[in-house]
PDB file of N, CA and C in Angstrom:
ATOM      1  N   MET A   1      14.034  19.305  40.498  1.00  0.00           N
ATOM      2  CA  MET A   1      12.970  19.090  39.536  1.00  0.00           C
ATOM      3  C   MET A   1      13.139  17.703  38.925  1.00  0.00           C
ATOM      4  N   VAL A   2      12.056  16.988  38.800  1.00  0.00           N
ATOM      5  CA  VAL A   2      12.062  15.647  38.231  1.00  0.00           C
ATOM      6  C   VAL A   2      11.809  15.752  36.742  1.00  0.00           C
ATOM      7  N   LYS A   3      12.672  15.113  35.979  1.00  0.00           N
ATOM      8  CA  LYS A   3      12.502  15.117  34.517  1.00  0.00           C
ATOM      9  C   LYS A   3      11.551  13.982  34.138  1.00  0.00           C
ATOM     10  N   ARG A   4      10.500  14.323  33.445  1.00  0.00           N
ATOM     11  CA  ARG A   4       9.508  13.341  33.025  1.00  0.00           C
ATOM     12  C   ARG A   4       9.900  12.759  31.674  1.00  0.00           C
ATOM     13  N   LEU A   5       9.969  11.440  31.589  1.00  0.00           N
ATOM     14  CA  LEU A   5      10.266  10.770  30.329  1.00  0.00           C
ATOM     15  C   LEU A   5       8.960  10.470  29.609  1.00  0.00           C
ATOM     16  N   VAL A   6       8.932  10.763  28.325  1.00  0.00           N
ATOM     17  CA  VAL A   6       7.743  10.505  27.519  1.00  0.00           C
ATOM     18  C   VAL A   6       7.946   9.169  26.813  1.00  0.00           C
ATOM     19  N   VAL A   7       7.615   8.112  27.509  1.00  0.00           N
ATOM     20  CA  VAL A   7       7.732   6.768  26.941  1.00  0.00           C
ATOM     21  C   VAL A   7       6.536   5.943  27.374  1.00  0.00           C
ATOM     22  N   GLY A   8       6.246   4.926  26.594  1.00  0.00           N
ATOM     23  CA  GLY A   8       5.194   3.996  26.961  1.00  0.00           C
ATOM     24  C   GLY A   8       3.824   4.441  26.508  1.00  0.00           C
ATOM     25  N   ALA A   9       2.987   3.482  26.284  1.00  0.00           N
ATOM     26  CA  ALA A   9       1.627   3.744  25.831  1.00  0.00           C
ATOM     27  C   ALA A   9       0.682   3.375  26.965  1.00  0.00           C
ATOM     28  N   HIS A  10       0.514   4.270  27.907  1.00  0.00           N
ATOM     29  CA  HIS A  10      -0.290   3.971  29.083  1.00  0.00           C
ATOM     30  C   HIS A  10      -1.508   4.881  29.144  1.00  0.00           C
ATOM     31  N   TYR A  11      -2.415   4.736  28.173  1.00  0.00           N
ATOM     32  CA  TYR A  11      -3.606   5.562  28.153  1.00  0.00           C
ATOM     33  C   TYR A  11      -4.747   4.900  28.901  1.00  0.00           C
ATOM     34  N   GLY A  12      -4.589   3.639  29.225  1.00  0.00           N
ATOM     35  CA  GLY A  12      -5.528   2.993  30.114  1.00  0.00           C
ATOM     36  C   GLY A  12      -6.866   2.633  29.530  1.00  0.00           C
ATOM     37  N   PHE A  13      -7.886   2.939  30.317  1.00  0.00           N
ATOM     38  CA  PHE A  13      -9.232   2.462  30.041  1.00  0.00           C
ATOM     39  C   PHE A  13      -9.781   2.935  28.706  1.00  0.00           C
ATOM     40  N   ARG A  14      -9.520   4.172  28.318  1.00  0.00           N
ATOM     41  CA  ARG A  14     -10.062   4.713  27.061  1.00  0.00           C
ATOM     42  C   ARG A  14      -9.599   3.897  25.857  1.00  0.00           C
ATOM     43  N   ASP A  15      -8.315   3.597  25.790  1.00  0.00           N
ATOM     44  CA  ASP A  15      -7.796   2.816  24.665  1.00  0.00           C
ATOM     45  C   ASP A  15      -8.242   1.360  24.734  1.00  0.00           C
ATOM     46  N   TRP A  16      -8.309   0.819  25.945  1.00  0.00           N
ATOM     47  CA  TRP A  16      -8.793  -0.547  26.109  1.00  0.00           C
ATOM     48  C   TRP A  16     -10.229  -0.640  25.592  1.00  0.00           C
ATOM     49  N   LEU A  17     -11.068   0.335  25.982  1.00  0.00           N
ATOM     50  CA  LEU A  17     -12.457   0.342  25.553  1.00  0.00           C
ATOM     51  C   LEU A  17     -12.572   0.558  24.039  1.00  0.00           C
ATOM     52  N   ALA A  18     -11.762   1.444  23.491  1.00  0.00           N
ATOM     53  CA  ALA A  18     -11.789   1.694  22.043  1.00  0.00           C
ATOM     54  C   ALA A  18     -11.447   0.427  21.268  1.00  0.00           C
ATOM     55  N   GLN A  19     -10.468  -0.320  21.734  1.00  0.00           N
ATOM     56  CA  GLN A  19     -10.100  -1.567  21.067  1.00  0.00           C
ATOM     57  C   GLN A  19     -11.257  -2.560  21.105  1.00  0.00           C
ATOM     58  N   ARG A  20     -11.939  -2.652  22.239  1.00  0.00           N
ATOM     59  CA  ARG A  20     -13.047  -3.611  22.367  1.00  0.00           C
ATOM     60  C   ARG A  20     -14.242  -3.183  21.531  1.00  0.00           C
ATOM     61  N   VAL A  21     -14.574  -1.906  21.557  1.00  0.00           N
ATOM     62  CA  VAL A  21     -15.726  -1.420  20.786  1.00  0.00           C
ATOM     63  C   VAL A  21     -15.485  -1.600  19.290  1.00  0.00           C
ATOM     64  N   THR A  22     -14.311  -1.231  18.812  1.00  0.00           N
ATOM     65  CA  THR A  22     -14.035  -1.394  17.378  1.00  0.00           C
ATOM     66  C   THR A  22     -13.995  -2.871  16.999  1.00  0.00           C
ATOM     67  N   ALA A  23     -13.520  -3.718  17.892  1.00  0.00           N
ATOM     68  CA  ALA A  23     -13.513  -5.153  17.601  1.00  0.00           C
ATOM     69  C   ALA A  23     -14.940  -5.689  17.494  1.00  0.00           C
ATOM     70  N   VAL A  24     -15.834  -5.222  18.356  1.00  0.00           N
ATOM     71  CA  VAL A  24     -17.235  -5.651  18.293  1.00  0.00           C
ATOM     72  C   VAL A  24     -17.876  -5.162  17.000  1.00  0.00           C
ATOM     73  N   VAL A  25     -17.621  -3.918  16.621  1.00  0.00           N
ATOM     74  CA  VAL A  25     -18.162  -3.384  15.370  1.00  0.00           C
ATOM     75  C   VAL A  25     -17.686  -4.244  14.191  1.00  0.00           C
ATOM     76  N   MET A  26     -16.414  -4.590  14.167  1.00  0.00           N
ATOM     77  CA  MET A  26     -15.882  -5.392  13.066  1.00  0.00           C
ATOM     78  C   MET A  26     -16.457  -6.807  13.081  1.00  0.00           C
ATOM     79  N   ALA A  27     -16.667  -7.388  14.266  1.00  0.00           N
ATOM     80  CA  ALA A  27     -17.241  -8.731  14.359  1.00  0.00           C
ATOM     81  C   ALA A  27     -18.691  -8.748  13.879  1.00  0.00           C
ATOM     82  N   VAL A  28     -19.467  -7.751  14.295  1.00  0.00           N
ATOM     83  CA  VAL A  28     -20.871  -7.678  13.865  1.00  0.00           C
ATOM     84  C   VAL A  28     -20.955  -7.493  12.355  1.00  0.00           C
ATOM     85  N   TYR A  29     -20.110  -6.634  11.812  1.00  0.00           N
ATOM     86  CA  TYR A  29     -20.097  -6.432  10.356  1.00  0.00           C
ATOM     87  C   TYR A  29     -19.723  -7.727   9.637  1.00  0.00           C
ATOM     88  N   THR A  30     -18.762  -8.443  10.164  1.00  0.00           N
ATOM     89  CA  THR A  30     -18.341  -9.703   9.537  1.00  0.00           C
ATOM     90  C   THR A  30     -19.491 -10.698   9.484  1.00  0.00           C
ATOM     91  N   VAL A  31     -20.230 -10.831  10.576  1.00  0.00           N
ATOM     92  CA  VAL A  31     -21.390 -11.732  10.597  1.00  0.00           C
ATOM     93  C   VAL A  31     -22.440 -11.246   9.598  1.00  0.00           C
ATOM     94  N   TYR A  32     -22.696  -9.945   9.597  1.00  0.00           N
ATOM     95  CA  TYR A  32     -23.669  -9.368   8.660  1.00  0.00           C
ATOM     96  C   TYR A  32     -23.295  -9.694   7.208  1.00  0.00           C
ATOM     97  N   MET A  33     -22.029  -9.483   6.868  1.00  0.00           N
ATOM     98  CA  MET A  33     -21.608  -9.730   5.482  1.00  0.00           C
ATOM     99  C   MET A  33     -21.587 -11.219   5.145  1.00  0.00           C
ATOM    100  N   LEU A  34     -21.236 -12.058   6.094  1.00  0.00           N
ATOM    101  CA  LEU A  34     -21.276 -13.508   5.831  1.00  0.00           C
ATOM    102  C   LEU A  34     -22.696 -13.961   5.508  1.00  0.00           C
ATOM    103  N   VAL A  35     -23.659 -13.451   6.252  1.00  0.00           N
ATOM    104  CA  VAL A  35     -25.059 -13.796   5.987  1.00  0.00           C
ATOM    105  C   VAL A  35     -25.485 -13.242   4.633  1.00  0.00           C
ATOM    106  N   ARG A  36     -25.149 -11.987   4.355  1.00  0.00           N
ATOM    107  CA  ARG A  36     -25.531 -11.389   3.075  1.00  0.00           C
ATOM    108  C   ARG A  36     -24.907 -12.126   1.893  1.00  0.00           C
ATOM    109  N   VAL A  37     -23.626 -12.485   2.009  1.00  0.00           N
ATOM    110  CA  VAL A  37     -22.942 -13.192   0.917  1.00  0.00           C
ATOM    111  C   VAL A  37     -23.517 -14.604   0.763  1.00  0.00           C
ATOM    112  N   ALA A  38     -23.838 -15.251   1.863  1.00  0.00           N
ATOM    113  CA  ALA A  38     -24.418 -16.597   1.788  1.00  0.00           C
ATOM    114  C   ALA A  38     -25.775 -16.584   1.092  1.00  0.00           C
ATOM    115  N   CYS A  39     -26.485 -15.467   1.165  1.00  0.00           N
ATOM    116  CA  CYS A  39     -27.813 -15.364   0.553  1.00  0.00           C
ATOM    117  C   CYS A  39     -27.774 -14.889  -0.900  1.00  0.00           C
ATOM    118  N   LEU A  40     -26.600 -14.656  -1.434  1.00  0.00           N
ATOM    119  CA  LEU A  40     -26.508 -14.208  -2.828  1.00  0.00           C
ATOM    120  C   LEU A  40     -27.007 -15.304  -3.762  1.00  0.00           C
ATOM    121  N   PRO A  41     -27.713 -14.915  -4.827  1.00  0.00           N
ATOM    122  CA  PRO A  41     -28.205 -15.923  -5.778  1.00  0.00           C
ATOM    123  C   PRO A  41     -27.078 -16.525  -6.615  1.00  0.00           C
ATOM    124  N   ALA A  42     -26.047 -15.758  -6.846  1.00  0.00           N
ATOM    125  CA  ALA A  42     -24.896 -16.237  -7.619  1.00  0.00           C
ATOM    126  C   ALA A  42     -23.660 -15.524  -7.080  1.00  0.00           C
ATOM    127  N   TYR A  43     -22.533 -16.078  -7.371  1.00  0.00           N
ATOM    128  CA  TYR A  43     -21.280 -15.481  -6.897  1.00  0.00           C
ATOM    129  C   TYR A  43     -20.515 -14.916  -8.088  1.00  0.00           C
ATOM    130  N   ASP A  44     -21.026 -13.826  -8.628  1.00  0.00           N
ATOM    131  CA  ASP A  44     -20.378 -13.175  -9.756  1.00  0.00           C
ATOM    132  C   ASP A  44     -20.336 -11.670  -9.514  1.00  0.00           C
ATOM    133  N   ASN A  45     -19.788 -10.956 -10.449  1.00  0.00           N
ATOM    134  CA  ASN A  45     -19.610  -9.514 -10.311  1.00  0.00           C
ATOM    135  C   ASN A  45     -20.941  -8.786 -10.179  1.00  0.00           C
ATOM    136  N   THR A  46     -21.937  -9.220 -10.922  1.00  0.00           N
ATOM    137  CA  THR A  46     -23.245  -8.568 -10.871  1.00  0.00           C
ATOM    138  C   THR A  46     -23.873  -8.707  -9.483  1.00  0.00           C
ATOM    139  N   ALA A  47     -23.793  -9.892  -8.914  1.00  0.00           N
ATOM    140  CA  ALA A  47     -24.351 -10.113  -7.576  1.00  0.00           C
ATOM    141  C   ALA A  47     -23.614  -9.274  -6.538  1.00  0.00           C
ATOM    142  N   TRP A  48     -22.303  -9.179  -6.667  1.00  0.00           N
ATOM    143  CA  TRP A  48     -21.524  -8.381  -5.719  1.00  0.00           C
ATOM    144  C   TRP A  48     -21.877  -6.895  -5.849  1.00  0.00           C
ATOM    145  N   ARG A  49     -22.023  -6.419  -7.088  1.00  0.00           N
ATOM    146  CA  ARG A  49     -22.395  -5.023  -7.297  1.00  0.00           C
ATOM    147  C   ARG A  49     -23.783  -4.740  -6.709  1.00  0.00           C
ATOM    148  N   ASP A  50     -24.709  -5.680  -6.899  1.00  0.00           N
ATOM    149  CA  ASP A  50     -26.049  -5.514  -6.331  1.00  0.00           C
ATOM    150  C   ASP A  50     -25.999  -5.493  -4.805  1.00  0.00           C
ATOM    151  N   LEU A  51     -25.175  -6.342  -4.232  1.00  0.00           N
ATOM    152  CA  LEU A  51     -25.014  -6.376  -2.778  1.00  0.00           C
ATOM    153  C   LEU A  51     -24.490  -5.049  -2.259  1.00  0.00           C
ATOM    154  N   MET A  52     -23.496  -4.496  -2.927  1.00  0.00           N
ATOM    155  CA  MET A  52     -22.862  -3.265  -2.456  1.00  0.00           C
ATOM    156  C   MET A  52     -23.576  -2.004  -2.937  1.00  0.00           C
ATOM    157  N   ALA A  53     -24.631  -2.148  -3.736  1.00  0.00           N
ATOM    158  CA  ALA A  53     -25.327  -0.980  -4.263  1.00  0.00           C
ATOM    159  C   ALA A  53     -26.219  -0.320  -3.216  1.00  0.00           C
ATOM    160  N   GLY A  54     -26.643  -1.067  -2.234  1.00  0.00           N
ATOM    161  CA  GLY A  54     -27.529  -0.511  -1.210  1.00  0.00           C
ATOM    162  C   GLY A  54     -26.822   0.502  -0.328  1.00  0.00           C
ATOM    163  N   GLY A  55     -27.523   1.561   0.020  1.00  0.00           N
ATOM    164  CA  GLY A  55     -26.937   2.601   0.862  1.00  0.00           C
ATOM    165  C   GLY A  55     -26.549   2.094   2.239  1.00  0.00           C
ATOM    166  N   PHE A  56     -27.381   1.212   2.818  1.00  0.00           N
ATOM    167  CA  PHE A  56     -27.076   0.697   4.143  1.00  0.00           C
ATOM    168  C   PHE A  56     -25.786  -0.117   4.139  1.00  0.00           C
ATOM    169  N   THR A  57     -25.610  -0.975   3.139  1.00  0.00           N
ATOM    170  CA  THR A  57     -24.404  -1.798   3.070  1.00  0.00           C
ATOM    171  C   THR A  57     -23.167  -0.936   2.876  1.00  0.00           C
ATOM    172  N   LYS A  58     -23.267   0.093   2.055  1.00  0.00           N
ATOM    173  CA  LYS A  58     -22.137   1.010   1.889  1.00  0.00           C
ATOM    174  C   LYS A  58     -21.812   1.702   3.209  1.00  0.00           C
ATOM    175  N   TYR A  59     -22.858   2.133   3.900  1.00  0.00           N
ATOM    176  CA  TYR A  59     -22.669   2.839   5.165  1.00  0.00           C
ATOM    177  C   TYR A  59     -21.992   1.943   6.206  1.00  0.00           C
ATOM    178  N   VAL A  60     -22.515   0.725   6.394  1.00  0.00           N
ATOM    179  CA  VAL A  60     -21.909  -0.157   7.404  1.00  0.00           C
ATOM    180  C   VAL A  60     -20.520  -0.615   6.978  1.00  0.00           C
ATOM    181  N   THR A  61     -20.280  -0.721   5.685  1.00  0.00           N
ATOM    182  CA  THR A  61     -18.938  -1.067   5.221  1.00  0.00           C
ATOM    183  C   THR A  61     -17.964   0.060   5.539  1.00  0.00           C
ATOM    184  N   PHE A  62     -18.401   1.286   5.345  1.00  0.00           N
ATOM    185  CA  PHE A  62     -17.540   2.420   5.684  1.00  0.00           C
ATOM    186  C   PHE A  62     -17.315   2.507   7.188  1.00  0.00           C
ATOM    187  N   LEU A  63     -18.358   2.237   7.983  1.00  0.00           N
ATOM    188  CA  LEU A  63     -18.180   2.198   9.440  1.00  0.00           C
ATOM    189  C   LEU A  63     -17.195   1.105   9.847  1.00  0.00           C
ATOM    190  N   PHE A  64     -17.280  -0.043   9.181  1.00  0.00           N
ATOM    191  CA  PHE A  64     -16.326  -1.119   9.432  1.00  0.00           C
ATOM    192  C   PHE A  64     -14.906  -0.636   9.143  1.00  0.00           C
ATOM    193  N   ALA A  65     -14.728   0.026   8.017  1.00  0.00           N
ATOM    194  CA  ALA A  65     -13.396   0.506   7.651  1.00  0.00           C
ATOM    195  C   ALA A  65     -12.884   1.520   8.668  1.00  0.00           C
ATOM    196  N   LEU A  66     -13.731   2.445   9.093  1.00  0.00           N
ATOM    197  CA  LEU A  66     -13.313   3.422  10.100  1.00  0.00           C
ATOM    198  C   LEU A  66     -12.962   2.745  11.420  1.00  0.00           C
ATOM    199  N   ALA A  67     -13.751   1.751  11.813  1.00  0.00           N
ATOM    200  CA  ALA A  67     -13.446   1.009  13.038  1.00  0.00           C
ATOM    201  C   ALA A  67     -12.115   0.272  12.896  1.00  0.00           C
ATOM    202  N   LEU A  68     -11.897  -0.314  11.726  1.00  0.00           N
ATOM    203  CA  LEU A  68     -10.634  -1.005  11.473  1.00  0.00           C
ATOM    204  C   LEU A  68      -9.455  -0.055  11.551  1.00  0.00           C
ATOM    205  N   PHE A  69      -9.588   1.116  10.939  1.00  0.00           N
ATOM    206  CA  PHE A  69      -8.484   2.075  10.940  1.00  0.00           C
ATOM    207  C   PHE A  69      -8.220   2.634  12.344  1.00  0.00           C
ATOM    208  N   TYR A  70      -9.281   2.888  13.112  1.00  0.00           N
ATOM    209  CA  TYR A  70      -9.068   3.374  14.473  1.00  0.00           C
ATOM    210  C   TYR A  70      -8.441   2.282  15.344  1.00  0.00           C
ATOM    211  N   HIS A  71      -8.913   1.059  15.169  1.00  0.00           N
ATOM    212  CA  HIS A  71      -8.350  -0.090  15.878  1.00  0.00           C
ATOM    213  C   HIS A  71      -6.859  -0.223  15.550  1.00  0.00           C
ATOM    214  N   ALA A  72      -6.542  -0.096  14.285  1.00  0.00           N
ATOM    215  CA  ALA A  72      -5.137  -0.170  13.858  1.00  0.00           C
ATOM    216  C   ALA A  72      -4.336   0.992  14.433  1.00  0.00           C
ATOM    217  N   TRP A  73      -4.921   2.193  14.449  1.00  0.00           N
ATOM    218  CA  TRP A  73      -4.213   3.353  14.977  1.00  0.00           C
ATOM    219  C   TRP A  73      -3.832   3.150  16.444  1.00  0.00           C
ATOM    220  N   VAL A  74      -4.787   2.695  17.247  1.00  0.00           N
ATOM    221  CA  VAL A  74      -4.501   2.496  18.670  1.00  0.00           C
ATOM    222  C   VAL A  74      -3.407   1.442  18.842  1.00  0.00           C
ATOM    223  N   GLY A  75      -3.504   0.350  18.109  1.00  0.00           N
ATOM    224  CA  GLY A  75      -2.509  -0.710  18.239  1.00  0.00           C
ATOM    225  C   GLY A  75      -1.129  -0.301  17.763  1.00  0.00           C
ATOM    226  N   VAL A  76      -1.048   0.297  16.593  1.00  0.00           N
ATOM    227  CA  VAL A  76       0.254   0.691  16.040  1.00  0.00           C
ATOM    228  C   VAL A  76       0.855   1.831  16.854  1.00  0.00           C
ATOM    229  N   ARG A  77       0.022   2.781  17.278  1.00  0.00           N
ATOM    230  CA  ARG A  77       0.527   3.863  18.114  1.00  0.00           C
ATOM    231  C   ARG A  77       1.152   3.327  19.401  1.00  0.00           C
ATOM    232  N   ASP A  78       0.500   2.346  20.008  1.00  0.00           N
ATOM    233  CA  ASP A  78       1.053   1.759  21.226  1.00  0.00           C
ATOM    234  C   ASP A  78       2.374   1.043  20.962  1.00  0.00           C
ATOM    235  N   ILE A  79       2.467   0.393  19.814  1.00  0.00           N
ATOM    236  CA  ILE A  79       3.739  -0.255  19.454  1.00  0.00           C
ATOM    237  C   ILE A  79       4.831   0.789  19.298  1.00  0.00           C
ATOM    238  N   TRP A  80       4.535   1.871  18.565  1.00  0.00           N
ATOM    239  CA  TRP A  80       5.552   2.926  18.396  1.00  0.00           C
ATOM    240  C   TRP A  80       5.961   3.488  19.756  1.00  0.00           C
ATOM    241  N   MET A  81       4.973   3.733  20.616  1.00  0.00           N
ATOM    242  CA  MET A  81       5.291   4.339  21.910  1.00  0.00           C
ATOM    243  C   MET A  81       6.065   3.391  22.825  1.00  0.00           C
ATOM    244  N   ASP A  82       5.806   2.109  22.724  1.00  0.00           N
ATOM    245  CA  ASP A  82       6.494   1.150  23.593  1.00  0.00           C
ATOM    246  C   ASP A  82       7.907   0.815  23.126  1.00  0.00           C
ATOM    247  N   TYR A  83       8.124   0.778  21.821  1.00  0.00           N
ATOM    248  CA  TYR A  83       9.382   0.239  21.324  1.00  0.00           C
ATOM    249  C   TYR A  83      10.280   1.239  20.613  1.00  0.00           C
ATOM    250  N   ILE A  84       9.778   2.396  20.235  1.00  0.00           N
ATOM    251  CA  ILE A  84      10.607   3.402  19.563  1.00  0.00           C
ATOM    252  C   ILE A  84      10.927   4.494  20.578  1.00  0.00           C
ATOM    253  N   LYS A  85      12.165   4.539  21.017  1.00  0.00           N
ATOM    254  CA  LYS A  85      12.520   5.460  22.097  1.00  0.00           C
ATOM    255  C   LYS A  85      12.857   6.881  21.626  1.00  0.00           C
ATOM    256  N   PRO A  86      13.579   7.087  20.515  1.00  0.00           N
ATOM    257  CA  PRO A  86      13.846   8.479  20.094  1.00  0.00           C
ATOM    258  C   PRO A  86      12.538   9.178  19.711  1.00  0.00           C
ATOM    259  N   ILE A  87      12.276  10.295  20.354  1.00  0.00           N
ATOM    260  CA  ILE A  87      11.002  10.983  20.164  1.00  0.00           C
ATOM    261  C   ILE A  87      10.808  11.447  18.726  1.00  0.00           C
ATOM    262  N   SER A  88      11.864  11.888  18.077  1.00  0.00           N
ATOM    263  CA  SER A  88      11.724  12.367  16.698  1.00  0.00           C
ATOM    264  C   SER A  88      11.337  11.229  15.751  1.00  0.00           C
ATOM    265  N   VAL A  89      11.915  10.071  15.952  1.00  0.00           N
ATOM    266  CA  VAL A  89      11.568   8.908  15.114  1.00  0.00           C
ATOM    267  C   VAL A  89      10.141   8.479  15.403  1.00  0.00           C
ATOM    268  N   ARG A  90       9.776   8.465  16.674  1.00  0.00           N
ATOM    269  CA  ARG A  90       8.422   8.061  17.068  1.00  0.00           C
ATOM    270  C   ARG A  90       7.390   9.018  16.479  1.00  0.00           C
ATOM    271  N   LEU A  91       7.651  10.318  16.566  1.00  0.00           N
ATOM    272  CA  LEU A  91       6.726  11.303  16.011  1.00  0.00           C
ATOM    273  C   LEU A  91       6.592  11.140  14.502  1.00  0.00           C
ATOM    274  N   THR A  92       7.711  10.906  13.839  1.00  0.00           N
ATOM    275  CA  THR A  92       7.681  10.680  12.392  1.00  0.00           C
ATOM    276  C   THR A  92       6.836   9.460  12.043  1.00  0.00           C
ATOM    277  N   LEU A  93       7.010   8.380  12.793  1.00  0.00           N
ATOM    278  CA  LEU A  93       6.221   7.172  12.545  1.00  0.00           C
ATOM    279  C   LEU A  93       4.740   7.399  12.837  1.00  0.00           C
ATOM    280  N   HIS A  94       4.430   8.170  13.873  1.00  0.00           N
ATOM    281  CA  HIS A  94       3.033   8.499  14.167  1.00  0.00           C
ATOM    282  C   HIS A  94       2.408   9.256  13.005  1.00  0.00           C
ATOM    283  N   VAL A  95       3.110  10.252  12.498  1.00  0.00           N
ATOM    284  CA  VAL A  95       2.580  11.061  11.393  1.00  0.00           C
ATOM    285  C   VAL A  95       2.397  10.204  10.147  1.00  0.00           C
ATOM    286  N   ILE A  96       3.379   9.378   9.832  1.00  0.00           N
ATOM    287  CA  ILE A  96       3.265   8.496   8.657  1.00  0.00           C
ATOM    288  C   ILE A  96       2.083   7.550   8.809  1.00  0.00           C
ATOM    289  N   THR A  97       1.920   6.983   9.996  1.00  0.00           N
ATOM    290  CA  THR A  97       0.809   6.064  10.244  1.00  0.00           C
ATOM    291  C   THR A  97      -0.530   6.783  10.104  1.00  0.00           C
ATOM    292  N   LEU A  98      -0.650   7.968  10.694  1.00  0.00           N
ATOM    293  CA  LEU A  98      -1.891   8.739  10.581  1.00  0.00           C
ATOM    294  C   LEU A  98      -2.220   9.103   9.140  1.00  0.00           C
ATOM    295  N   LEU A  99      -1.216   9.549   8.400  1.00  0.00           N
ATOM    296  CA  LEU A  99      -1.442   9.907   6.998  1.00  0.00           C
ATOM    297  C   LEU A  99      -1.855   8.690   6.175  1.00  0.00           C
ATOM    298  N   ALA A 100      -1.215   7.563   6.430  1.00  0.00           N
ATOM    299  CA  ALA A 100      -1.571   6.337   5.705  1.00  0.00           C
ATOM    300  C   ALA A 100      -3.012   5.933   6.009  1.00  0.00           C
ATOM    301  N   LEU A 101      -3.391   5.917   7.290  1.00  0.00           N
ATOM    302  CA  LEU A 101      -4.749   5.512   7.658  1.00  0.00           C
ATOM    303  C   LEU A 101      -5.794   6.491   7.130  1.00  0.00           C
ATOM    304  N   ALA A 102      -5.501   7.779   7.148  1.00  0.00           N
ATOM    305  CA  ALA A 102      -6.434   8.765   6.581  1.00  0.00           C
ATOM    306  C   ALA A 102      -6.556   8.561   5.069  1.00  0.00           C
ATOM    307  N   GLY A 103      -5.445   8.284   4.418  1.00  0.00           N
ATOM    308  CA  GLY A 103      -5.478   7.999   2.984  1.00  0.00           C
ATOM    309  C   GLY A 103      -6.280   6.757   2.664  1.00  0.00           C
ATOM    310  N   TYR A 104      -6.127   5.724   3.501  1.00  0.00           N
ATOM    311  CA  TYR A 104      -6.902   4.495   3.299  1.00  0.00           C
ATOM    312  C   TYR A 104      -8.393   4.758   3.467  1.00  0.00           C
ATOM    313  N   ALA A 105      -8.761   5.595   4.437  1.00  0.00           N
ATOM    314  CA  ALA A 105     -10.177   5.927   4.644  1.00  0.00           C
ATOM    315  C   ALA A 105     -10.742   6.650   3.417  1.00  0.00           C
ATOM    316  N   GLY A 106      -9.976   7.570   2.863  1.00  0.00           N
ATOM    317  CA  GLY A 106     -10.410   8.242   1.643  1.00  0.00           C
ATOM    318  C   GLY A 106     -10.533   7.288   0.472  1.00  0.00           C
ATOM    319  N   TRP A 107      -9.616   6.354   0.391  1.00  0.00           N
ATOM    320  CA  TRP A 107      -9.638   5.361  -0.684  1.00  0.00           C
ATOM    321  C   TRP A 107     -10.873   4.468  -0.561  1.00  0.00           C
ATOM    322  N   VAL A 108     -11.201   4.051   0.655  1.00  0.00           N
ATOM    323  CA  VAL A 108     -12.396   3.238   0.867  1.00  0.00           C
ATOM    324  C   VAL A 108     -13.652   4.000   0.451  1.00  0.00           C
ATOM    325  N   ALA A 109     -13.728   5.281   0.845  1.00  0.00           N
ATOM    326  CA  ALA A 109     -14.879   6.101   0.460  1.00  0.00           C
ATOM    327  C   ALA A 109     -14.993   6.191  -1.058  1.00  0.00           C
ATOM    328  N   GLN A 110     -13.865   6.389  -1.715  1.00  0.00           N
ATOM    329  CA  GLN A 110     -13.869   6.483  -3.175  1.00  0.00           C
ATOM    330  C   GLN A 110     -14.350   5.179  -3.797  1.00  0.00           C
ATOM    331  N   ILE A 111     -13.865   4.071  -3.311  1.00  0.00           N
ATOM    332  CA  ILE A 111     -14.261   2.771  -3.850  1.00  0.00           C
ATOM    333  C   ILE A 111     -15.744   2.516  -3.631  1.00  0.00           C
ATOM    334  N   LEU A 112     -16.232   2.780  -2.413  1.00  0.00           N
ATOM    335  CA  LEU A 112     -17.621   2.481  -2.092  1.00  0.00           C
ATOM    336  C   LEU A 112     -18.600   3.339  -2.891  1.00  0.00           C
ATOM    337  N   TRP A 113     -18.297   4.604  -3.068  1.00  0.00           N
ATOM    338  CA  TRP A 113     -19.282   5.485  -3.686  1.00  0.00           C
ATOM    339  C   TRP A 113     -19.074   5.682  -5.187  1.00  0.00           C
ATOM    340  N   ARG A 114     -18.149   4.962  -5.786  1.00  0.00           N
ATOM    341  CA  ARG A 114     -18.054   5.020  -7.247  1.00  0.00           C
ATOM    342  C   ARG A 114     -18.733   3.827  -7.895  1.00  0.00           C
ATOM    343  N   LEU A 115     -19.148   2.856  -7.083  1.00  0.00           N
ATOM    344  CA  LEU A 115     -19.811   1.678  -7.639  1.00  0.00           C
ATOM    345  C   LEU A 115     -21.075   2.032  -8.380  1.00  0.00           C
TER     346      LEU A 115
END
């Protein structure tokens, strides 16, 4: 019987595509926000609140954050899988990373919808 080693981050096309799609989402959002910020009448707290008050801007900002967190998850997970060999340490780091990213997503939602 051949013993299979659980090492390496070789998920292939799915992860490659996820990285590219999330990068495109983040790039489009960045261009959108640069244009919106450039069109602001003033650069103060009131103008920023007005910019972020719209439902569409909140929605795309949250989508940007989710894309960022998923992009980070794929990248950090691959780092853990490539360089952390003890499975227990790797699993612990995966769980910590997932909990942190989920917490950040909740924090972003709280910030966006309390404005």
